[in-house]
Amino acid sequence: MPKIQRLLLPLLLTATAATVHAEPIGEVDTVFKLIGPDHKIVVEAYDDPKVVGVTCYVSRAKTGGIKGALGVAEDKSDASIACRQVGPISFPGGKPLPKQEEMFSERISLVFKRLRVVRMVDPKRNALVYLTYSERVIEGSPQNSVTVVAVDGGTPIPVK
């Protein structure tokens, strides 16, 4: 496989992932920038598209300044996640969940870096495990954060 195809393959696969939109919750400034927006920590909510009643809250750094204003800045790899039950948990249509699946991803640099959230099913404990990390096309980061949503024993998680 030619080098350019190897580099573009992850981008194409990401484009086919489920569409999940961030809902901005809030932000705090961390560094004042005279020109362009300040550096910030943003908090966004993502509803799990396959599990009704679960929302994930992700906090991450957002680079400001001139590069941030132009959309060419590369955000830091640091992120934190907390997923919670926000209503009765159900699985629409009773469709089984894959044992592991990317729930969403978001671009955090102009082209090659993405923030990802992966949902894993722990059937033994009837729990949903959510992992966030960042990756680059060439090299990712070991920095990650994990959270768990325990599902009531009366609601078994359908697993493929």
C-alpha atoms as a PDB file:
ATOM      1  CA  MET A   1       0.000   0.000   0.000  1.00  0.00           C
ATOM      2  CA  PRO A   2       1.506   3.397  -0.974  1.00  0.00           C
ATOM      3  CA  LYS A   3       2.503   5.669   1.905  1.00  0.00           C
ATOM      4  CA  ILE A   4      -0.161   8.320   1.164  1.00  0.00           C
ATOM      5  CA  GLN A   5      -2.921   5.675   1.316  1.00  0.00           C
ATOM      6  CA  ARG A   6      -1.621   4.420   4.677  1.00  0.00           C
ATOM      7  CA  LEU A   7      -1.734   7.979   5.996  1.00  0.00           C
ATOM      8  CA  LEU A   8      -5.222   8.734   4.676  1.00  0.00           C
ATOM      9  CA  LEU A   9      -6.875   5.449   5.682  1.00  0.00           C
ATOM     10  CA  PRO A  10      -7.434   6.466   9.354  1.00  0.00           C
ATOM     11  CA  LEU A  11      -8.954   9.756   8.178  1.00  0.00           C
ATOM     12  CA  LEU A  12     -11.393   7.942   5.902  1.00  0.00           C
ATOM     13  CA  LEU A  13     -12.356   5.469   8.626  1.00  0.00           C
ATOM     14  CA  THR A  14     -12.983   8.356  11.025  1.00  0.00           C
ATOM     15  CA  ALA A  15     -15.308   9.990   8.523  1.00  0.00           C
ATOM     16  CA  THR A  16     -17.517   6.897   8.604  1.00  0.00           C
ATOM     17  CA  ALA A  17     -17.819   6.799  12.433  1.00  0.00           C
ATOM     18  CA  ALA A  18     -21.162   7.593  14.048  1.00  0.00           C
ATOM     19  CA  THR A  19     -21.975  11.282  14.061  1.00  0.00           C
ATOM     20  CA  VAL A  20     -22.087  12.577  17.610  1.00  0.00           C
ATOM     21  CA  HIS A  21     -22.224  16.285  18.250  1.00  0.00           C
ATOM     22  CA  ALA A  22     -20.720  18.094  21.200  1.00  0.00           C
ATOM     23  CA  GLU A  23     -22.930  20.278  23.333  1.00  0.00           C
ATOM     24  CA  PRO A  24     -20.828  23.054  24.903  1.00  0.00           C
ATOM     25  CA  ILE A  25     -21.268  23.150  28.679  1.00  0.00           C
ATOM     26  CA  GLY A  26     -18.713  25.802  29.663  1.00  0.00           C
ATOM     27  CA  GLU A  27     -15.122  26.961  29.471  1.00  0.00           C
ATOM     28  CA  VAL A  28     -12.471  28.683  31.551  1.00  0.00           C
ATOM     29  CA  ASP A  29      -9.529  30.770  30.347  1.00  0.00           C
ATOM     30  CA  THR A  30      -6.090  29.470  31.317  1.00  0.00           C
ATOM     31  CA  VAL A  31      -3.744  31.880  29.495  1.00  0.00           C
ATOM     32  CA  PHE A  32      -4.458  35.447  28.366  1.00  0.00           C
ATOM     33  CA  LYS A  33      -3.532  36.119  24.725  1.00  0.00           C
ATOM     34  CA  LEU A  34      -3.248  39.719  23.573  1.00  0.00           C
ATOM     35  CA  ILE A  35      -4.051  38.770  19.978  1.00  0.00           C
ATOM     36  CA  GLY A  36      -6.657  36.085  19.304  1.00  0.00           C
ATOM     37  CA  PRO A  37      -8.688  34.035  21.774  1.00  0.00           C
ATOM     38  CA  ASP A  38      -7.231  32.968  25.135  1.00  0.00           C
ATOM     39  CA  HIS A  39      -6.084  29.391  25.777  1.00  0.00           C
ATOM     40  CA  LYS A  40      -8.996  27.571  27.441  1.00  0.00           C
ATOM     41  CA  ILE A  41     -10.259  24.414  29.021  1.00  0.00           C
ATOM     42  CA  VAL A  42     -13.608  23.534  27.457  1.00  0.00           C
ATOM     43  CA  VAL A  43     -16.223  21.122  28.791  1.00  0.00           C
ATOM     44  CA  GLU A  44     -18.560  19.452  26.294  1.00  0.00           C
ATOM     45  CA  ALA A  45     -21.345  16.873  26.658  1.00  0.00           C
ATOM     46  CA  TYR A  46     -21.794  13.934  24.288  1.00  0.00           C
ATOM     47  CA  ASP A  47     -24.865  11.705  24.465  1.00  0.00           C
ATOM     48  CA  ASP A  48     -24.029   8.084  23.687  1.00  0.00           C
ATOM     49  CA  PRO A  49     -25.843   7.461  20.373  1.00  0.00           C
ATOM     50  CA  LYS A  50     -26.435   3.751  21.126  1.00  0.00           C
ATOM     51  CA  VAL A  51     -27.203   3.937  24.847  1.00  0.00           C
ATOM     52  CA  VAL A  52     -30.152   6.127  25.824  1.00  0.00           C
ATOM     53  CA  GLY A  53     -29.651   7.675  29.259  1.00  0.00           C
ATOM     54  CA  VAL A  54     -25.833   7.988  29.219  1.00  0.00           C
ATOM     55  CA  THR A  55     -23.985  11.265  28.642  1.00  0.00           C
ATOM     56  CA  CYS A  56     -20.207  11.726  28.602  1.00  0.00           C
ATOM     57  CA  TYR A  57     -18.621  14.983  29.716  1.00  0.00           C
ATOM     58  CA  VAL A  58     -15.192  15.647  28.223  1.00  0.00           C
ATOM     59  CA  SER A  59     -12.866  18.423  29.334  1.00  0.00           C
ATOM     60  CA  ARG A  60      -9.914  19.302  27.140  1.00  0.00           C
ATOM     61  CA  ALA A  61      -7.443  22.065  26.409  1.00  0.00           C
ATOM     62  CA  LYS A  62      -8.155  24.372  23.491  1.00  0.00           C
ATOM     63  CA  THR A  63      -5.315  26.453  22.075  1.00  0.00           C
ATOM     64  CA  GLY A  64      -5.956  30.133  21.486  1.00  0.00           C
ATOM     65  CA  GLY A  65      -3.832  32.913  20.011  1.00  0.00           C
ATOM     66  CA  ILE A  66      -3.562  33.613  16.315  1.00  0.00           C
ATOM     67  CA  LYS A  67      -3.174  29.926  15.377  1.00  0.00           C
ATOM     68  CA  GLY A  68      -6.239  29.023  17.446  1.00  0.00           C
ATOM     69  CA  ALA A  69      -8.270  31.806  15.823  1.00  0.00           C
ATOM     70  CA  LEU A  70      -7.285  30.569  12.352  1.00  0.00           C
ATOM     71  CA  GLY A  71      -8.021  26.930  13.223  1.00  0.00           C
ATOM     72  CA  VAL A  72      -4.461  25.720  12.601  1.00  0.00           C
ATOM     73  CA  ALA A  73      -3.355  25.233  16.232  1.00  0.00           C
ATOM     74  CA  GLU A  74      -2.685  21.777  17.635  1.00  0.00           C
ATOM     75  CA  ASP A  75      -4.481  21.277  20.941  1.00  0.00           C
ATOM     76  CA  LYS A  76      -2.791  19.462  23.832  1.00  0.00           C
ATOM     77  CA  SER A  77      -3.386  15.729  24.262  1.00  0.00           C
ATOM     78  CA  ASP A  78      -4.704  16.154  27.819  1.00  0.00           C
ATOM     79  CA  ALA A  79      -8.373  15.287  28.250  1.00  0.00           C
ATOM     80  CA  SER A  80     -10.601  13.997  31.006  1.00  0.00           C
ATOM     81  CA  ILE A  81     -13.901  12.133  30.771  1.00  0.00           C
ATOM     82  CA  ALA A  82     -16.807  11.470  33.122  1.00  0.00           C
ATOM     83  CA  CYS A  83     -19.796   9.527  31.814  1.00  0.00           C
ATOM     84  CA  ARG A  84     -22.968   9.370  33.884  1.00  0.00           C
ATOM     85  CA  GLN A  85     -26.436   7.922  33.832  1.00  0.00           C
ATOM     86  CA  VAL A  86     -28.699  10.924  33.185  1.00  0.00           C
ATOM     87  CA  GLY A  87     -31.954   8.989  32.711  1.00  0.00           C
ATOM     88  CA  PRO A  88     -33.275   5.455  32.398  1.00  0.00           C
ATOM     89  CA  ILE A  89     -30.752   3.373  30.423  1.00  0.00           C
ATOM     90  CA  SER A  90     -32.047   1.572  27.358  1.00  0.00           C
ATOM     91  CA  PHE A  91     -30.694   0.163  24.128  1.00  0.00           C
ATOM     92  CA  PRO A  92     -32.847   1.372  21.182  1.00  0.00           C
ATOM     93  CA  GLY A  93     -34.282  -1.491  19.195  1.00  0.00           C
ATOM     94  CA  GLY A  94     -32.531  -3.973  21.489  1.00  0.00           C
ATOM     95  CA  LYS A  95     -29.596  -3.896  19.075  1.00  0.00           C
ATOM     96  CA  PRO A  96     -26.504  -5.548  20.558  1.00  0.00           C
ATOM     97  CA  LEU A  97     -23.461  -3.376  21.196  1.00  0.00           C
ATOM     98  CA  PRO A  98     -20.030  -4.392  19.942  1.00  0.00           C
ATOM     99  CA  LYS A  99     -17.667  -5.397  22.769  1.00  0.00           C
ATOM    100  CA  GLN A 100     -15.598  -2.307  21.854  1.00  0.00           C
ATOM    101  CA  GLU A 101     -16.555   0.610  19.611  1.00  0.00           C
ATOM    102  CA  GLU A 102     -15.501   4.191  18.953  1.00  0.00           C
ATOM    103  CA  MET A 103     -18.321   6.372  20.249  1.00  0.00           C
ATOM    104  CA  PHE A 104     -17.013   9.609  18.764  1.00  0.00           C
ATOM    105  CA  SER A 105     -13.908  11.437  17.633  1.00  0.00           C
ATOM    106  CA  GLU A 106     -13.106  15.084  17.149  1.00  0.00           C
ATOM    107  CA  ARG A 107     -10.314  16.868  15.286  1.00  0.00           C
ATOM    108  CA  ILE A 108      -7.879  18.667  17.629  1.00  0.00           C
ATOM    109  CA  SER A 109      -5.359  19.786  15.020  1.00  0.00           C
ATOM    110  CA  LEU A 110      -5.638  20.936  11.427  1.00  0.00           C
ATOM    111  CA  VAL A 111      -5.271  17.466   9.895  1.00  0.00           C
ATOM    112  CA  PHE A 112      -3.530  14.684  11.789  1.00  0.00           C
ATOM    113  CA  LYS A 113      -4.634  14.665  15.452  1.00  0.00           C
ATOM    114  CA  ARG A 114      -7.948  13.470  16.903  1.00  0.00           C
ATOM    115  CA  LEU A 115      -9.518  13.119  20.336  1.00  0.00           C
ATOM    116  CA  ARG A 116     -11.306   9.777  20.569  1.00  0.00           C
ATOM    117  CA  VAL A 117     -13.803   8.194  22.960  1.00  0.00           C
ATOM    118  CA  VAL A 118     -14.201   4.425  22.887  1.00  0.00           C
ATOM    119  CA  ARG A 119     -17.048   2.522  24.572  1.00  0.00           C
ATOM    120  CA  MET A 120     -16.224  -0.963  25.912  1.00  0.00           C
ATOM    121  CA  VAL A 121     -18.733  -3.395  27.386  1.00  0.00           C
ATOM    122  CA  ASP A 122     -17.886  -5.300  30.573  1.00  0.00           C
ATOM    123  CA  PRO A 123     -20.616  -7.992  30.521  1.00  0.00           C
ATOM    124  CA  LYS A 124     -19.383  -9.707  33.709  1.00  0.00           C
ATOM    125  CA  ARG A 125     -20.087  -6.535  35.729  1.00  0.00           C
ATOM    126  CA  ASN A 126     -22.900  -5.243  33.480  1.00  0.00           C
ATOM    127  CA  ALA A 127     -20.996  -1.994  32.992  1.00  0.00           C
ATOM    128  CA  LEU A 128     -20.096   0.393  30.191  1.00  0.00           C
ATOM    129  CA  VAL A 129     -16.476   1.575  30.187  1.00  0.00           C
ATOM    130  CA  TYR A 130     -15.558   4.775  28.331  1.00  0.00           C
ATOM    131  CA  LEU A 131     -11.941   5.613  27.435  1.00  0.00           C
ATOM    132  CA  THR A 132     -10.700   8.900  25.985  1.00  0.00           C
ATOM    133  CA  TYR A 133      -7.301   9.413  24.352  1.00  0.00           C
ATOM    134  CA  SER A 134      -5.734  11.338  21.504  1.00  0.00           C
ATOM    135  CA  GLU A 135      -4.030   9.959  18.457  1.00  0.00           C
ATOM    136  CA  ARG A 136      -2.041  11.190  15.534  1.00  0.00           C
ATOM    137  CA  VAL A 137      -1.819   9.472  12.180  1.00  0.00           C
ATOM    138  CA  ILE A 138       1.827   8.631  12.887  1.00  0.00           C
ATOM    139  CA  GLU A 139       2.080   8.582  16.696  1.00  0.00           C
ATOM    140  CA  GLY A 140      -0.505   8.908  19.463  1.00  0.00           C
ATOM    141  CA  SER A 141      -0.245   9.843  23.103  1.00  0.00           C
ATOM    142  CA  PRO A 142      -0.373   7.498  26.099  1.00  0.00           C
ATOM    143  CA  GLN A 143      -2.322  10.122  28.058  1.00  0.00           C
ATOM    144  CA  ASN A 144      -5.839   8.853  28.666  1.00  0.00           C
ATOM    145  CA  SER A 145      -8.807   8.949  30.996  1.00  0.00           C
ATOM    146  CA  VAL A 146     -11.376   6.275  31.802  1.00  0.00           C
ATOM    147  CA  THR A 147     -14.820   6.251  33.407  1.00  0.00           C
ATOM    148  CA  VAL A 148     -17.461   3.587  34.045  1.00  0.00           C
ATOM    149  CA  VAL A 149     -21.264   3.595  34.045  1.00  0.00           C
ATOM    150  CA  ALA A 150     -22.742   0.683  35.990  1.00  0.00           C
ATOM    151  CA  VAL A 151     -25.992  -0.536  34.439  1.00  0.00           C
ATOM    152  CA  ASP A 152     -28.723  -1.896  36.734  1.00  0.00           C
ATOM    153  CA  GLY A 153     -28.709  -5.708  36.853  1.00  0.00           C
ATOM    154  CA  GLY A 154     -32.331  -5.723  35.657  1.00  0.00           C
ATOM    155  CA  THR A 155     -31.178  -4.170  32.364  1.00  0.00           C
ATOM    156  CA  PRO A 156     -28.677  -6.556  30.787  1.00  0.00           C
ATOM    157  CA  ILE A 157     -26.394  -4.996  28.170  1.00  0.00           C
ATOM    158  CA  PRO A 158     -26.966  -6.673  24.774  1.00  0.00           C
ATOM    159  CA  VAL A 159     -23.500  -7.585  23.431  1.00  0.00           C
ATOM    160  CA  LYS A 160     -22.521  -8.882  19.983  1.00  0.00           C
END
